[in-house]
Protein backbone atom coordinates (compact mmCIF):
# COMPACT_ATOMS: atom_id res chain seq x y z
CA MET A 1 55.37 62.59 -20.33
CA LYS A 2 51.83 61.25 -19.98
CA ASN A 3 50.93 58.33 -17.73
CA ARG A 4 51.90 55.09 -19.36
CA ALA A 5 49.12 52.58 -19.97
CA SER A 6 49.50 49.09 -21.37
CA PRO A 7 47.82 48.63 -24.77
CA LEU A 8 46.34 45.42 -23.34
CA ALA A 9 44.92 47.12 -20.23
CA PRO A 10 41.26 46.78 -21.35
CA PHE A 11 41.62 42.99 -21.16
CA ARG A 12 41.63 43.36 -17.36
CA HIS A 13 37.88 43.89 -17.60
CA ASP A 14 36.15 40.51 -17.86
CA ILE A 15 33.24 41.62 -20.01
CA PHE A 16 35.43 43.41 -22.55
CA ARG A 17 37.74 40.39 -22.79
CA THR A 18 34.81 37.99 -23.22
CA VAL A 19 33.02 40.10 -25.84
CA TRP A 20 36.31 40.81 -27.67
CA LEU A 21 37.05 37.07 -28.03
CA ALA A 22 33.46 36.38 -29.09
CA SER A 23 33.65 39.22 -31.64
CA LEU A 24 36.86 37.70 -32.99
CA SER A 25 34.93 34.50 -33.71
CA SER A 26 32.07 36.43 -35.27
CA ASN A 27 34.43 38.47 -37.49
CA PHE A 28 36.07 35.27 -38.70
CA GLY A 29 32.65 33.92 -39.62
CA SER A 30 31.67 37.11 -41.45
CA LEU A 31 34.82 37.10 -43.59
CA ILE A 32 34.41 33.40 -44.36
CA GLN A 33 30.79 34.10 -45.34
CA SER A 34 31.94 36.91 -47.64
CA VAL A 35 34.31 34.57 -49.46
CA GLY A 36 31.58 31.96 -49.79
CA ALA A 37 29.02 34.46 -51.13
CA ALA A 38 31.43 35.93 -53.67
CA TRP A 39 32.47 32.49 -54.90
CA MET A 40 28.90 31.21 -55.05
CA MET A 41 27.87 34.17 -57.20
CA THR A 42 30.59 33.27 -59.71
CA THR A 43 29.12 29.77 -59.98
CA ILE A 44 25.45 30.78 -60.38
CA SER A 45 25.88 33.92 -62.53
CA ASP A 46 28.07 34.88 -65.46
CA SER A 47 27.62 38.61 -64.80
CA VAL A 48 30.64 40.52 -63.47
CA ASP A 49 28.25 43.16 -62.11
CA MET A 50 26.42 40.59 -60.00
CA VAL A 51 29.70 39.50 -58.43
CA ALA A 52 30.54 43.09 -57.57
CA LEU A 53 27.06 43.59 -56.10
CA VAL A 54 27.73 40.95 -53.43
CA GLN A 55 30.09 43.28 -51.60
CA ALA A 56 27.92 46.31 -52.32
CA SER A 57 24.79 44.62 -50.96
CA THR A 58 26.51 44.05 -47.62
CA ALA A 59 27.97 47.55 -47.39
CA LEU A 60 24.97 49.56 -48.64
CA PRO A 61 22.80 49.11 -45.51
CA ILE A 62 25.61 50.51 -43.35
CA MET A 63 25.43 53.78 -45.27
CA LEU A 64 21.63 53.83 -45.44
CA PHE A 65 20.67 52.86 -41.91
CA SER A 66 23.57 53.81 -39.62
CA LEU A 67 21.94 57.04 -38.41
CA VAL A 68 18.69 55.25 -37.61
CA SER A 69 20.68 52.56 -35.79
CA GLY A 70 22.53 55.24 -33.85
CA ALA A 71 19.22 56.72 -32.69
CA LEU A 72 18.07 53.27 -31.57
CA ALA A 73 21.38 52.75 -29.73
CA ASP A 74 20.83 55.96 -27.73
CA ASN A 75 17.15 55.40 -26.95
CA PHE A 76 17.06 51.68 -26.18
CA ASN A 77 19.11 49.26 -24.14
CA ARG A 78 22.26 48.84 -26.27
CA ARG A 79 22.83 45.28 -25.12
CA ARG A 80 19.33 44.29 -26.24
CA VAL A 81 19.77 46.06 -29.58
CA MET A 82 22.95 44.03 -30.18
CA ILE A 83 21.21 40.79 -29.18
CA VAL A 84 18.36 41.52 -31.60
CA ALA A 85 20.86 42.33 -34.39
CA GLN A 86 22.93 39.20 -33.76
CA CYS A 87 19.87 36.93 -33.58
CA PHE A 88 18.51 38.49 -36.77
CA MET A 89 21.78 37.81 -38.61
CA LEU A 90 21.85 34.29 -37.17
CA GLY A 91 18.38 33.61 -38.55
CA VAL A 92 19.26 35.00 -41.99
CA SER A 93 22.47 32.95 -42.05
CA VAL A 94 20.55 29.77 -41.19
CA LEU A 95 18.21 30.39 -44.13
CA LEU A 96 21.13 31.17 -46.45
CA THR A 97 22.84 27.92 -45.42
CA LEU A 98 19.69 25.85 -46.00
CA PHE A 99 18.87 27.45 -49.37
CA SER A 100 22.45 26.90 -50.53
CA HIS A 101 22.62 23.32 -49.28
CA PHE A 102 19.43 22.38 -51.13
CA ASN A 103 20.46 24.28 -54.31
CA LEU A 104 17.55 26.71 -54.06
CA ILE A 105 19.69 29.84 -54.27
CA THR A 106 19.48 32.30 -57.17
CA PRO A 107 21.64 35.36 -57.85
CA TRP A 108 19.03 37.85 -56.65
CA LEU A 109 18.10 35.69 -53.67
CA LEU A 110 21.77 35.56 -52.67
CA LEU A 111 21.94 39.36 -52.88
CA CYS A 112 18.80 39.57 -50.77
CA PHE A 113 20.39 37.43 -48.06
CA THR A 114 23.65 39.40 -48.07
CA PHE A 115 21.67 42.66 -47.95
CA LEU A 116 19.76 41.44 -44.89
CA ILE A 117 23.02 40.45 -43.18
CA GLY A 118 24.28 43.95 -43.96
CA CYS A 119 21.13 45.37 -42.32
CA GLY A 120 21.92 43.39 -39.18
CA THR A 121 25.47 44.75 -39.22
CA ALA A 122 24.17 48.30 -39.61
CA LEU A 123 21.87 47.79 -36.60
CA ASN A 124 24.63 46.25 -34.50
CA ASN A 125 27.59 48.58 -35.14
CA PRO A 126 26.54 51.84 -33.40
CA SER A 127 25.39 49.96 -30.29
CA TRP A 128 28.58 47.90 -30.24
CA GLN A 129 30.89 50.89 -30.64
CA ALA A 130 28.97 52.94 -28.07
CA SER A 131 28.97 50.00 -25.64
CA VAL A 132 32.76 49.92 -25.45
CA GLY A 133 32.47 52.95 -23.15
CA ASP A 134 30.08 50.91 -20.97
CA MET A 135 32.55 48.02 -20.69
CA VAL A 136 35.74 49.88 -19.79
CA PRO A 137 36.46 53.12 -17.88
CA ARG A 138 37.23 56.31 -19.76
CA ASN A 139 41.01 55.96 -19.30
CA ASP A 140 41.02 52.58 -21.07
CA LEU A 141 38.73 53.62 -23.91
CA PRO A 142 41.46 54.56 -26.46
CA ASN A 143 43.22 51.22 -25.99
CA ALA A 144 39.92 49.33 -26.12
CA VAL A 145 39.05 50.89 -29.49
CA ALA A 146 42.55 50.07 -30.78
CA LEU A 147 42.18 46.47 -29.61
CA ASN A 148 38.88 46.20 -31.47
CA SER A 149 40.63 47.39 -34.63
CA MET A 150 43.43 44.92 -33.99
CA GLY A 151 40.95 42.08 -33.57
CA PHE A 152 39.25 42.88 -36.85
CA ASN A 153 42.58 43.03 -38.67
CA ILE A 154 43.70 39.73 -37.16
CA THR A 155 40.67 38.13 -38.75
CA ARG A 156 41.16 40.04 -41.99
CA SER A 157 44.73 38.76 -42.23
CA VAL A 158 43.79 35.09 -42.23
CA GLY A 159 39.98 34.94 -42.50
CA PRO A 160 39.71 35.13 -46.30
CA ALA A 161 42.35 32.41 -46.72
CA ILE A 162 40.51 30.13 -44.30
CA GLY A 163 37.28 30.89 -46.14
CA GLY A 164 38.90 29.96 -49.44
CA VAL A 165 40.04 26.60 -48.03
CA ILE A 166 36.55 25.85 -46.66
CA VAL A 167 34.88 26.74 -49.96
CA ALA A 168 37.41 24.66 -51.92
CA ILE A 169 36.96 21.59 -49.71
CA ALA A 170 33.28 21.66 -48.75
CA GLY A 171 31.58 24.35 -50.86
CA ALA A 172 29.96 27.71 -50.18
CA ALA A 173 27.18 26.22 -48.04
CA ALA A 174 29.81 25.03 -45.56
CA ALA A 175 31.21 28.58 -45.36
CA PHE A 176 27.70 29.87 -44.61
CA ALA A 177 27.29 27.20 -41.91
CA VAL A 178 30.56 28.24 -40.26
CA ASN A 179 29.34 31.84 -40.21
CA THR A 180 26.05 30.73 -38.64
CA ILE A 181 27.89 28.99 -35.80
CA SER A 182 30.19 32.00 -35.29
CA TYR A 183 27.29 34.13 -34.01
CA LEU A 184 26.64 31.86 -31.03
CA PRO A 185 29.61 32.83 -28.79
CA LEU A 186 28.81 36.54 -29.13
CA ILE A 187 25.11 36.04 -28.45
CA TYR A 188 26.02 34.00 -25.36
CA ALA A 189 28.45 36.69 -24.15
CA LEU A 190 25.82 39.42 -24.61
CA PHE A 191 23.23 37.44 -22.67
CA ARG A 192 25.72 37.07 -19.79
CA TRP A 193 26.55 40.78 -19.73
CA GLN A 194 24.30 42.76 -17.39
CA PRO A 195 25.31 46.43 -17.69
CA LYS A 196 23.91 49.03 -15.33
CA TYR A 197 22.37 51.88 -17.29
CA ASP A 198 21.20 55.05 -15.61
CA ALA A 199 17.42 55.14 -15.35
CA ASN A 200 15.74 57.85 -17.41
CA PRO A 201 12.29 58.89 -16.17
CA LEU A 202 11.52 60.72 -19.41
CA PRO A 203 9.72 59.00 -22.30
CA ARG A 204 11.84 57.93 -25.25
CA GLU A 205 12.33 60.34 -28.10
CA THR A 206 10.50 59.53 -31.31
CA LEU A 207 12.78 58.20 -34.03
CA GLY A 208 12.55 61.34 -36.16
CA ARG A 209 13.21 63.64 -33.21
CA ALA A 210 16.12 61.46 -32.06
CA ILE A 211 17.74 61.60 -35.51
CA SER A 212 17.25 65.37 -35.63
CA ALA A 213 18.81 65.70 -32.18
CA GLY A 214 21.85 63.71 -33.30
CA LEU A 215 22.34 65.79 -36.45
CA ARG A 216 21.88 69.00 -34.48
CA TYR A 217 24.35 67.96 -31.79
CA VAL A 218 27.07 67.12 -34.32
CA ALA A 219 26.40 70.30 -36.31
CA MET A 220 26.81 72.44 -33.18
CA SER A 221 29.89 70.57 -31.88
CA PRO A 222 33.05 71.89 -33.58
CA ASN A 223 35.28 69.09 -32.24
CA ILE A 224 33.12 66.34 -33.72
CA GLY A 225 32.79 68.26 -36.99
CA LYS A 226 36.57 68.37 -37.32
CA VAL A 227 36.85 64.63 -36.73
CA ILE A 228 34.16 63.78 -39.26
CA PHE A 229 35.69 66.06 -41.89
CA ARG A 230 39.19 64.66 -41.39
CA SER A 231 37.95 61.06 -41.37
CA PHE A 232 36.11 61.64 -44.65
CA ILE A 233 39.30 62.97 -46.27
CA PHE A 234 41.27 60.04 -44.87
CA GLY A 235 38.75 57.48 -46.16
CA LEU A 236 38.57 59.21 -49.55
CA SER A 237 42.35 59.19 -50.06
CA ALA A 238 43.53 56.09 -48.19
CA SER A 239 40.93 53.83 -49.82
CA ALA A 240 43.06 53.89 -52.98
CA VAL A 241 45.55 51.34 -51.62
CA LEU A 242 43.01 48.63 -50.76
CA ALA A 243 40.79 49.38 -53.76
CA LEU A 244 43.65 49.10 -56.25
CA LEU A 245 45.55 46.28 -54.53
CA PRO A 246 44.29 43.58 -56.96
CA LEU A 247 45.60 45.70 -59.86
CA VAL A 248 48.88 46.26 -58.02
CA ALA A 249 49.29 42.50 -57.60
CA ARG A 250 48.44 41.77 -61.24
CA ASP A 251 49.91 44.70 -63.17
CA LEU A 252 52.68 46.25 -61.07
CA VAL A 253 54.37 43.24 -59.44
CA HIS A 254 53.01 40.69 -61.98
CA GLY A 255 51.64 38.26 -59.40
CA GLY A 256 48.53 36.17 -59.01
CA PRO A 257 45.91 35.42 -56.35
CA LEU A 258 48.54 34.13 -53.91
CA VAL A 259 50.52 37.37 -54.15
CA TYR A 260 47.32 39.34 -53.61
CA GLY A 261 46.56 37.28 -50.50
CA VAL A 262 50.06 37.87 -49.14
CA MET A 263 49.64 41.61 -49.70
CA LEU A 264 46.36 41.62 -47.78
CA GLY A 265 48.11 39.74 -45.01
CA SER A 266 50.89 42.35 -44.90
CA PHE A 267 48.32 45.12 -44.59
CA GLY A 268 46.62 43.21 -41.77
CA ILE A 269 49.88 42.58 -39.91
CA GLY A 270 50.73 46.28 -40.17
CA ALA A 271 47.30 47.10 -38.76
CA ILE A 272 47.90 44.82 -35.78
CA ALA A 273 51.25 46.52 -35.15
CA GLY A 274 49.57 49.93 -35.39
CA ALA A 275 47.04 48.95 -32.73
CA LEU A 276 49.82 47.77 -30.40
CA ILE A 277 51.95 50.92 -30.72
CA SER A 278 49.08 53.42 -30.60
CA ALA A 279 49.10 53.62 -26.80
CA ARG A 280 52.83 54.32 -26.70
CA LEU A 281 52.52 57.00 -29.37
CA ARG A 282 49.78 58.77 -27.39
CA GLU A 283 52.20 59.06 -24.46
CA TYR A 284 54.56 61.26 -26.47
CA LEU A 285 52.48 62.80 -29.27
CA SER A 286 49.28 64.80 -29.53
CA SER A 287 46.22 63.42 -31.33
CA GLU A 288 46.78 65.81 -34.21
CA ALA A 289 50.43 64.77 -34.55
CA ILE A 290 49.45 61.09 -34.76
CA VAL A 291 46.83 61.80 -37.41
CA ARG A 292 49.29 63.81 -39.48
CA ILE A 293 51.82 60.97 -39.22
CA ALA A 294 49.11 58.55 -40.38
CA PHE A 295 48.27 60.73 -43.40
CA ILE A 296 51.94 61.23 -44.33
CA GLY A 297 52.82 57.58 -43.70
CA PHE A 298 49.97 56.44 -45.90
CA ALA A 299 51.08 58.87 -48.61
CA VAL A 300 54.61 57.45 -48.48
CA SER A 301 53.24 53.90 -48.61
CA ALA A 302 51.00 54.68 -51.60
CA GLY A 303 53.94 56.30 -53.40
CA LEU A 304 56.23 53.31 -52.76
CA THR A 305 53.51 50.91 -53.87
CA ALA A 306 53.08 52.91 -57.09
CA VAL A 307 56.77 52.84 -58.07
CA SER A 308 57.63 49.32 -56.88
CA ASN A 309 57.68 46.41 -59.33
CA ASN A 310 58.79 43.86 -56.74
CA VAL A 311 56.52 42.10 -54.28
CA TRP A 312 58.78 42.48 -51.23
CA PRO A 313 59.17 46.29 -51.21
CA THR A 314 55.45 46.48 -51.87
CA ASN A 315 54.73 44.31 -48.84
CA VAL A 316 56.93 46.51 -46.67
CA ALA A 317 54.99 49.54 -47.88
CA LEU A 318 51.71 47.77 -47.07
CA LEU A 319 52.90 47.11 -43.50
CA LEU A 320 53.17 50.89 -43.14
CA SER A 321 49.73 51.35 -44.73
CA GLY A 322 48.08 48.96 -42.31
CA ALA A 323 49.66 50.63 -39.27
CA CYS A 324 48.61 54.11 -40.41
CA TRP A 325 45.10 52.88 -41.22
CA VAL A 326 44.48 51.72 -37.65
CA LEU A 327 46.26 54.67 -36.03
CA ALA A 328 44.03 57.15 -37.84
CA LEU A 329 40.67 55.37 -37.71
CA SER A 330 40.94 54.23 -34.11
CA LEU A 331 41.94 57.74 -33.03
CA PHE A 332 39.02 59.26 -34.95
CA ASN A 333 36.66 56.80 -33.25
CA VAL A 334 38.02 57.52 -29.77
CA THR A 335 37.92 61.29 -30.30
CA VAL A 336 34.24 61.12 -31.27
CA GLN A 337 33.46 59.06 -28.17
CA LEU A 338 35.40 61.32 -25.81
CA SER A 339 33.87 64.46 -27.36
CA THR A 340 30.29 63.22 -26.98
CA PRO A 341 28.12 62.70 -23.88
CA ARG A 342 26.62 59.25 -23.44
CA TRP A 343 23.08 60.32 -24.36
CA VAL A 344 24.04 60.96 -28.00
CA VAL A 345 27.22 58.90 -28.49
CA GLY A 346 25.51 56.25 -30.66
CA ARG A 347 24.23 58.87 -33.09
CA ALA A 348 27.58 60.67 -33.22
CA LEU A 349 29.40 57.40 -33.93
CA SER A 350 26.86 56.48 -36.62
CA LEU A 351 27.45 59.82 -38.37
CA TYR A 352 31.20 59.31 -38.13
CA GLN A 353 30.81 55.80 -39.53
CA THR A 354 28.57 56.98 -42.37
CA THR A 355 30.92 59.77 -43.50
CA THR A 356 34.04 57.62 -43.17
CA PHE A 357 32.44 54.75 -45.04
CA GLY A 358 31.11 57.21 -47.61
CA GLY A 359 34.65 58.51 -48.12
CA ILE A 360 35.99 54.99 -48.52
CA ALA A 361 33.22 54.02 -50.97
CA GLY A 362 33.55 57.24 -52.98
CA GLY A 363 37.34 57.00 -52.98
CA SER A 364 37.29 53.38 -54.13
CA TRP A 365 35.14 54.38 -57.11
CA LEU A 366 37.19 57.53 -57.84
CA TRP A 367 40.58 55.81 -57.78
CA GLY A 368 39.19 52.87 -59.74
CA VAL A 369 38.10 55.24 -62.52
CA ALA A 370 41.48 56.99 -62.37
CA ALA A 371 43.31 53.65 -62.59
CA GLY A 372 41.21 52.66 -65.60
CA GLU A 373 42.13 55.88 -67.39
CA TYR A 374 45.74 56.43 -66.32
CA GLY A 375 46.93 53.20 -64.64
CA ALA A 376 47.08 52.03 -61.04
CA ASP A 377 50.51 53.57 -60.43
CA ARG A 378 49.41 57.10 -61.37
CA ALA A 379 46.19 56.74 -59.42
CA LEU A 380 48.16 55.77 -56.32
CA LEU A 381 50.51 58.73 -56.77
CA ALA A 382 47.51 61.06 -57.09
CA SER A 383 45.97 59.61 -53.92
CA SER A 384 49.22 60.22 -52.05
CA ILE A 385 48.98 63.92 -52.94
CA VAL A 386 45.45 64.02 -51.49
CA MET A 387 46.77 62.33 -48.33
CA LEU A 388 49.41 65.04 -47.93
CA PHE A 389 46.63 67.60 -48.33
CA GLY A 390 44.74 65.79 -45.57
CA ALA A 391 47.76 66.19 -43.27
CA ALA A 392 48.02 69.90 -44.10
CA ILE A 393 44.34 70.45 -43.23
CA GLY A 394 45.34 69.82 -39.62
CA LEU A 395 47.05 73.20 -39.56
CA ARG A 396 43.58 74.78 -39.58
CA TYR A 397 41.31 71.99 -38.29
CA ALA A 398 43.41 70.31 -35.61
CA LEU A 399 41.90 67.43 -33.66
CA PRO A 400 41.11 68.07 -29.97
CA GLU A 401 43.12 66.36 -27.28
CA PHE A 402 41.75 63.53 -25.15
CA LYS A 403 40.26 64.33 -21.75
CA THR A 404 39.87 68.04 -22.38
CA LEU A 405 36.14 67.99 -21.60
CA ASN A 406 34.17 66.48 -18.74
CA LEU A 407 30.98 65.32 -20.44
CA ASP A 408 29.36 63.69 -17.42
CA PRO A 409 25.84 64.99 -16.68
CA LEU A 410 25.79 68.24 -14.68
CA ASN A 411 22.74 67.16 -12.64
CA ARG A 412 22.01 70.67 -11.35
CA PHE A 413 18.54 70.91 -12.88
CA SER A 414 15.48 70.18 -10.75
CA GLU A 415 12.10 70.16 -12.43
CA PRO A 416 10.18 73.15 -10.99
CA LEU A 417 6.82 72.89 -9.28
CA LEU A 418 4.13 74.20 -11.61
CA LYS A 419 0.71 75.61 -10.76
CA LEU A 420 -0.68 74.63 -14.13
CA ASP A 421 -1.42 70.97 -14.80
CA LEU A 422 0.88 70.32 -17.76
CA LYS A 423 1.11 67.07 -19.65
CA PRO A 424 4.51 65.89 -20.98
CA ARG A 425 3.36 66.79 -24.50
CA SER A 426 2.06 70.25 -23.53
CA GLY A 427 3.67 73.07 -25.47
CA PRO A 428 5.20 74.98 -27.09
CA ILE A 429 7.22 76.14 -24.07
CA VAL A 430 8.89 79.55 -24.07
CA ILE A 431 11.75 80.25 -21.65
CA MET A 432 12.89 83.80 -20.86
CA ILE A 433 15.82 84.54 -18.50
CA ASP A 434 16.51 88.09 -17.30
CA TYR A 435 20.06 89.26 -16.56
CA VAL A 436 21.34 92.57 -15.18
CA ILE A 437 24.57 93.48 -16.98
CA THR A 438 26.56 96.70 -16.53
CA GLU A 439 27.79 98.57 -19.60
CA ASP A 440 31.42 97.69 -18.90
CA ASP A 441 30.60 93.96 -18.88
CA VAL A 442 28.59 93.95 -22.13
CA PRO A 443 31.47 92.78 -24.40
CA ASP A 444 32.27 89.85 -22.09
CA PHE A 445 28.57 89.06 -21.74
CA LEU A 446 28.04 88.94 -25.51
CA GLU A 447 31.06 86.66 -25.89
CA VAL A 448 29.86 84.14 -23.33
CA MET A 449 26.29 84.31 -24.64
CA ALA A 450 27.56 83.25 -28.07
CA ALA A 451 28.82 80.06 -26.40
CA ARG A 452 25.50 79.75 -24.52
CA ARG A 453 23.61 79.98 -27.83
CA ARG A 454 25.62 77.11 -29.30
CA VAL A 455 25.00 74.91 -26.26
CA ARG A 456 21.28 75.74 -26.14
CA ILE A 457 20.71 74.90 -29.80
CA ARG A 458 22.98 71.84 -29.60
CA ASP A 459 20.90 70.43 -26.74
CA GLY A 460 17.53 70.96 -28.41
CA ALA A 461 16.41 74.57 -27.97
CA GLY A 462 14.90 76.52 -30.86
CA HIS A 463 14.28 80.18 -31.71
CA TRP A 464 17.10 81.32 -29.44
CA ALA A 465 17.36 85.09 -29.09
CA LEU A 466 19.09 87.66 -26.94
CA MET A 467 17.22 90.94 -26.30
CA ARG A 468 18.04 94.24 -24.56
CA ASP A 469 15.51 96.40 -22.75
CA LEU A 470 15.21 99.81 -24.46
CA GLU A 471 14.00 101.59 -21.32
CA ASN A 472 16.39 99.87 -18.93
CA PRO A 473 19.51 98.95 -20.96
CA GLU A 474 21.06 97.00 -18.09
CA ILE A 475 18.38 94.32 -18.45
CA TRP A 476 19.10 91.62 -21.02
CA THR A 477 16.72 88.75 -21.75
CA GLU A 478 17.67 85.38 -23.21
CA SER A 479 14.77 83.46 -24.77
CA TYR A 480 14.33 80.10 -26.45
CA HIS A 481 11.59 77.62 -27.28
CA THR A 482 11.10 73.90 -26.88
CA PRO A 483 8.27 71.96 -28.58
CA THR A 484 6.92 70.42 -25.36
CA TRP A 485 7.45 70.46 -21.61
CA VAL A 486 9.20 67.08 -21.67
CA GLU A 487 11.63 68.41 -24.28
CA TYR A 488 12.36 71.36 -21.98
CA VAL A 489 13.22 68.93 -19.17
CA ARG A 490 15.27 66.78 -21.56
CA HIS A 491 17.11 69.88 -22.78
CA ASN A 492 18.21 70.74 -19.24
CA GLN A 493 19.19 67.18 -18.38
CA ARG A 494 21.58 67.12 -21.35
CA ARG A 495 23.79 69.80 -19.82
CA THR A 496 27.29 68.50 -19.01
CA GLN A 497 29.97 69.37 -16.47
CA ALA A 498 31.88 71.12 -19.26
CA ASP A 499 28.87 73.36 -19.93
CA ALA A 500 28.83 74.50 -16.31
CA ALA A 501 31.70 76.93 -16.94
CA ILE A 502 29.50 78.92 -19.33
CA GLY A 503 26.69 79.25 -16.80
CA ASP A 504 29.16 80.18 -14.06
CA ARG A 505 30.64 82.96 -16.21
CA ILE A 506 27.18 84.36 -16.96
CA ARG A 507 26.21 84.39 -13.27
CA ALA A 508 29.51 86.12 -12.43
CA LEU A 509 28.58 88.93 -14.84
CA HIS A 510 25.02 89.21 -13.52
CA ARG A 511 24.64 92.25 -11.19
CA GLY A 512 21.11 91.62 -9.94
CA LEU A 513 20.24 91.36 -6.25
CA SER A 514 19.22 87.72 -6.76
CA GLU A 515 19.77 84.93 -9.28
CA PRO A 516 18.73 85.61 -12.91
CA ARG A 517 14.93 85.50 -13.14
CA VAL A 518 13.59 82.57 -15.19
CA HIS A 519 10.14 82.82 -16.83
CA ARG A 520 8.67 79.51 -17.99
CA MET A 521 5.63 80.04 -20.19
CA ILE A 522 3.41 78.07 -22.49
CA GLU A 523 2.11 79.50 -25.75
CA ARG A 524 -1.65 79.70 -26.23
CA GLN A 525 -3.66 80.71 -29.29
CA THR A 526 -6.56 83.14 -28.93
CA ILE A 527 -9.88 83.56 -30.78
CA LEU A 528 -11.51 86.99 -30.72
CA PRO A 529 -15.16 87.22 -29.53
CA HIS A 530 -16.47 88.26 -32.95
CA ASP A 531 -14.70 85.20 -34.43
CA ILE A 532 -16.53 83.01 -31.92
CA ALA A 533 -19.84 84.63 -32.86
CA ALA A 534 -19.08 84.16 -36.53
CA HIS A 535 -18.49 80.45 -35.94
CA LYS A 536 -21.86 80.15 -34.16
CA THR A 537 -23.90 82.03 -36.80
CA PRO A 538 -26.21 79.60 -38.61
CA ILE A 539 -25.80 79.31 -42.36
CA ASP A 540 -28.87 80.16 -44.43
CA LEU A 541 -29.28 77.50 -47.11
CA SER A 542 -32.62 78.83 -48.49
């Protein structure tokens, strides 16, 4: 049995506890603001499409800008990025409150405000998720992520109802004012937090290069690819329950808005329970087993919801849905963080968030169309089949276990002394490494070099190749390129403790009298003498 850890253990860390409570306040404000915006749109526009666009305008920036935000989270101080995002949303919320109070709001202006708030959320989320690993030690990270999910679902259970009461008593402008105030505790907590980040002497990556590095790292990391694929399938299938819940309340159990609110509350309570039991489940079950349980549990819940015509069995099924929702998504989030070194964790999380949210958005549309054609009950039954398929995928694409990789920096690389005066932007740089490999060791060498290729490309190398000397077959040469000298240094600094095993295996196979010979070269273009003369020949214009 694994070491037992309390699900509330992360609260021992003052900064996590403070930021968690402040985030609880901010999440309450956001949900109250959402209720106010949706209700205000119904009062200033008769278009059903405009009402639907309120939610879309908040969610769209998360899909559009998450990867950019992830690059910013990895290249700038994450605390400052969050402060900028929170202050930006505070300013937008102040303007929204004032425009609403003085009756200056129009449908498109309201959508503009909600879109800008969504942009602030998109900027904030990757830095916030990546910062959890800066607030708590690695052992507490899974429980910290689960507690964040629990906090959000606490607010989702009661936030919309509180928002409805505020709007009914004081109007939408009051809901916007409450949201404005809710940013203050989190901004204060972030200003108090003074994390210690490791100093990086290298210049920051450009935004385009940082995004490319994030995409490349995920593409060359099988563990993260599995998580992203499974999370997309989960979002695509599990989104049916929440997307069709209004139709379930109206058509299947013949209830009204109150019944719908109770159902949302049941889902939220189940999610809280899922967060509390996740730590205990991880003591006895593997990550893959928990994810399969979540898929199968959600399938059972969707099936029960489809066949039930009574509100109470449906609420019991939704308790199960909520628990499975948090178990799966929190585990996906933690697996991405524990499978990614700190230098790229923001970008990896942003890609995970984009694909998961894309699955949820696409699934909501897909199951909505299916419900319109065949009814909500059949759409839910169809989604449950997809969920079972998602569980079966684990037989081939199983999730990795926690703590299987040490992704701390290796710190073995020392920048060599050069006799040429290179600038950081000098390049392209070509690296060639010579190995002496006996014929008997060639199969093992090729196997380990396949792993070396993946790591090289993942960390930023290009044009990787492995060559064998035709005149001396025992000599093998590995070569790769980097665009500039600073990118060569950055490439070597990205190597992790887990990568060291590959280098150690290669050196064990090397039969040379000394360490493998490394050639560091810079490419230079040449112009032949007759080309120079041609350039200097005067042109006769007579």
